[in-house]
């Protein structure tokens, strides 16, 4: 899916370059929307962090926040690092019965 969105964004930017001399309004729209597709798709991996499987190390505090991940259906615990302000999301694995 990411590759398809990136491809559409690149094609829109290229179409904007092609139409630059003919229609500046359409060309600017294609640049803007195509560029937003490209930038948004590339930054998505940085902004949205994947779920961790293990609790983070020292310095992390478990918050009272808990939610169900819509992609996996698993409960997720939120951890916070007071010194950096960073947050980590940890999938809460159901306990295995012996």
C-alpha atoms as a PDB file:
ATOM      1  CA  UNK A   1       0.000   0.000   0.000  1.00  0.00           C
ATOM      2  CA  UNK A   2       2.828   2.388   0.844  1.00  0.00           C
ATOM      3  CA  UNK A   3       4.457   1.744  -2.534  1.00  0.00           C
ATOM      4  CA  UNK A   4       1.198   2.510  -4.346  1.00  0.00           C
ATOM      5  CA  UNK A   5       0.746   5.804  -2.494  1.00  0.00           C
ATOM      6  CA  UNK A   6       4.363   6.799  -3.140  1.00  0.00           C
ATOM      7  CA  UNK A   7       3.950   5.919  -6.822  1.00  0.00           C
ATOM      8  CA  UNK A   8       0.805   8.055  -7.117  1.00  0.00           C
ATOM      9  CA  UNK A   9       2.579  10.944  -5.381  1.00  0.00           C
ATOM     10  CA  UNK A  10       5.596  10.746  -7.687  1.00  0.00           C
ATOM     11  CA  UNK A  11       3.345  10.533 -10.767  1.00  0.00           C
ATOM     12  CA  UNK A  12       1.415  13.602  -9.597  1.00  0.00           C
ATOM     13  CA  UNK A  13       4.619  15.589  -9.114  1.00  0.00           C
ATOM     14  CA  UNK A  14       5.877  14.494 -12.553  1.00  0.00           C
ATOM     15  CA  UNK A  15       2.539  15.448 -14.129  1.00  0.00           C
ATOM     16  CA  UNK A  16       2.844  18.819 -12.422  1.00  0.00           C
ATOM     17  CA  UNK A  17       6.252  19.293 -14.022  1.00  0.00           C
ATOM     18  CA  UNK A  18       4.875  18.286 -17.416  1.00  0.00           C
ATOM     19  CA  UNK A  19       1.967  20.768 -17.152  1.00  0.00           C
ATOM     20  CA  UNK A  20       4.038  23.613 -15.733  1.00  0.00           C
ATOM     21  CA  UNK A  21       4.036  25.648 -18.969  1.00  0.00           C
ATOM     22  CA  UNK A  22       0.386  24.965 -19.872  1.00  0.00           C
ATOM     23  CA  UNK A  23      -1.603  25.442 -16.674  1.00  0.00           C
ATOM     24  CA  UNK A  24       0.143  26.819 -13.585  1.00  0.00           C
ATOM     25  CA  UNK A  25      -2.891  26.328 -11.299  1.00  0.00           C
ATOM     26  CA  UNK A  26      -3.260  22.622 -12.031  1.00  0.00           C
ATOM     27  CA  UNK A  27       0.512  22.217 -11.906  1.00  0.00           C
ATOM     28  CA  UNK A  28       0.743  23.771  -8.427  1.00  0.00           C
ATOM     29  CA  UNK A  29      -2.155  21.615  -7.204  1.00  0.00           C
ATOM     30  CA  UNK A  30      -0.429  18.468  -8.494  1.00  0.00           C
ATOM     31  CA  UNK A  31       2.847  19.514  -6.827  1.00  0.00           C
ATOM     32  CA  UNK A  32       1.111  20.204  -3.517  1.00  0.00           C
ATOM     33  CA  UNK A  33      -1.039  17.089  -3.309  1.00  0.00           C
ATOM     34  CA  UNK A  34       1.609  14.778  -4.786  1.00  0.00           C
ATOM     35  CA  UNK A  35       4.229  16.215  -2.443  1.00  0.00           C
ATOM     36  CA  UNK A  36       1.899  15.748   0.525  1.00  0.00           C
ATOM     37  CA  UNK A  37       1.420  12.086  -0.452  1.00  0.00           C
ATOM     38  CA  UNK A  38       5.176  11.569  -0.647  1.00  0.00           C
ATOM     39  CA  UNK A  39       6.084  13.413   2.561  1.00  0.00           C
ATOM     40  CA  UNK A  40       3.186  11.946   4.543  1.00  0.00           C
ATOM     41  CA  UNK A  41       3.997   8.408   3.497  1.00  0.00           C
ATOM     42  CA  UNK A  42       7.698   8.761   4.281  1.00  0.00           C
ATOM     43  CA  UNK A  43       7.117  10.441   7.659  1.00  0.00           C
ATOM     44  CA  UNK A  44       4.455   7.930   8.689  1.00  0.00           C
ATOM     45  CA  UNK A  45       7.137   5.439   9.734  1.00  0.00           C
ATOM     46  CA  UNK A  46       8.763   8.042  11.980  1.00  0.00           C
ATOM     47  CA  UNK A  47       5.629   9.467  13.607  1.00  0.00           C
ATOM     48  CA  UNK A  48       3.718   6.232  14.189  1.00  0.00           C
ATOM     49  CA  UNK A  49       5.896   3.858  16.121  1.00  0.00           C
ATOM     50  CA  UNK A  50       5.389   0.101  15.942  1.00  0.00           C
ATOM     51  CA  UNK A  51       4.174  -1.860  18.948  1.00  0.00           C
ATOM     52  CA  UNK A  52       6.916  -3.291  21.124  1.00  0.00           C
ATOM     53  CA  UNK A  53       6.731  -6.884  22.364  1.00  0.00           C
ATOM     54  CA  UNK A  54       8.726  -6.297  25.563  1.00  0.00           C
ATOM     55  CA  UNK A  55       8.561  -3.569  28.190  1.00  0.00           C
ATOM     56  CA  UNK A  56      11.091  -0.757  27.731  1.00  0.00           C
ATOM     57  CA  UNK A  57      14.122  -0.607  30.025  1.00  0.00           C
ATOM     58  CA  UNK A  58      14.949   1.503  33.050  1.00  0.00           C
ATOM     59  CA  UNK A  59      13.544   5.015  33.277  1.00  0.00           C
ATOM     60  CA  UNK A  60      10.201   4.151  31.708  1.00  0.00           C
ATOM     61  CA  UNK A  61       6.964   4.504  33.686  1.00  0.00           C
ATOM     62  CA  UNK A  62       3.794   2.578  32.865  1.00  0.00           C
ATOM     63  CA  UNK A  63       0.872   4.990  32.522  1.00  0.00           C
ATOM     64  CA  UNK A  64      -2.792   4.307  33.234  1.00  0.00           C
ATOM     65  CA  UNK A  65      -3.475   4.505  29.487  1.00  0.00           C
ATOM     66  CA  UNK A  66      -4.555   1.293  27.850  1.00  0.00           C
ATOM     67  CA  UNK A  67      -6.317   0.676  24.545  1.00  0.00           C
ATOM     68  CA  UNK A  68      -7.054  -2.009  21.982  1.00  0.00           C
ATOM     69  CA  UNK A  69      -4.906  -1.792  18.863  1.00  0.00           C
ATOM     70  CA  UNK A  70      -7.283  -1.650  15.890  1.00  0.00           C
ATOM     71  CA  UNK A  71      -4.865  -3.559  13.622  1.00  0.00           C
ATOM     72  CA  UNK A  72      -4.074  -6.510  15.885  1.00  0.00           C
ATOM     73  CA  UNK A  73      -6.972  -6.489  18.359  1.00  0.00           C
ATOM     74  CA  UNK A  74      -4.447  -6.771  21.225  1.00  0.00           C
ATOM     75  CA  UNK A  75      -4.528  -4.655  24.378  1.00  0.00           C
ATOM     76  CA  UNK A  76      -1.718  -2.078  24.424  1.00  0.00           C
ATOM     77  CA  UNK A  77      -0.012  -0.524  27.464  1.00  0.00           C
ATOM     78  CA  UNK A  78       1.535   2.942  27.220  1.00  0.00           C
ATOM     79  CA  UNK A  79       4.925   3.686  28.796  1.00  0.00           C
ATOM     80  CA  UNK A  80       6.356   7.181  29.325  1.00  0.00           C
ATOM     81  CA  UNK A  81       9.930   8.376  29.798  1.00  0.00           C
ATOM     82  CA  UNK A  82       9.769  11.488  32.036  1.00  0.00           C
ATOM     83  CA  UNK A  83      13.297  12.620  31.124  1.00  0.00           C
ATOM     84  CA  UNK A  84      12.689  12.728  27.349  1.00  0.00           C
ATOM     85  CA  UNK A  85       8.901  12.899  27.055  1.00  0.00           C
ATOM     86  CA  UNK A  86       8.962   9.924  24.701  1.00  0.00           C
ATOM     87  CA  UNK A  87       6.168   7.355  24.704  1.00  0.00           C
ATOM     88  CA  UNK A  88       6.341   3.669  23.822  1.00  0.00           C
ATOM     89  CA  UNK A  89       3.447   1.357  23.044  1.00  0.00           C
ATOM     90  CA  UNK A  90       3.775  -2.234  24.246  1.00  0.00           C
ATOM     91  CA  UNK A  91       1.474  -5.034  23.154  1.00  0.00           C
ATOM     92  CA  UNK A  92       0.135  -6.825  26.199  1.00  0.00           C
ATOM     93  CA  UNK A  93       0.506 -10.508  25.379  1.00  0.00           C
ATOM     94  CA  UNK A  94      -2.135 -12.696  26.992  1.00  0.00           C
ATOM     95  CA  UNK A  95      -0.613 -14.882  29.685  1.00  0.00           C
ATOM     96  CA  UNK A  96      -0.087 -18.470  28.578  1.00  0.00           C
ATOM     97  CA  UNK A  97      -1.666 -21.134  30.723  1.00  0.00           C
ATOM     98  CA  UNK A  98       0.554 -24.040  31.708  1.00  0.00           C
END
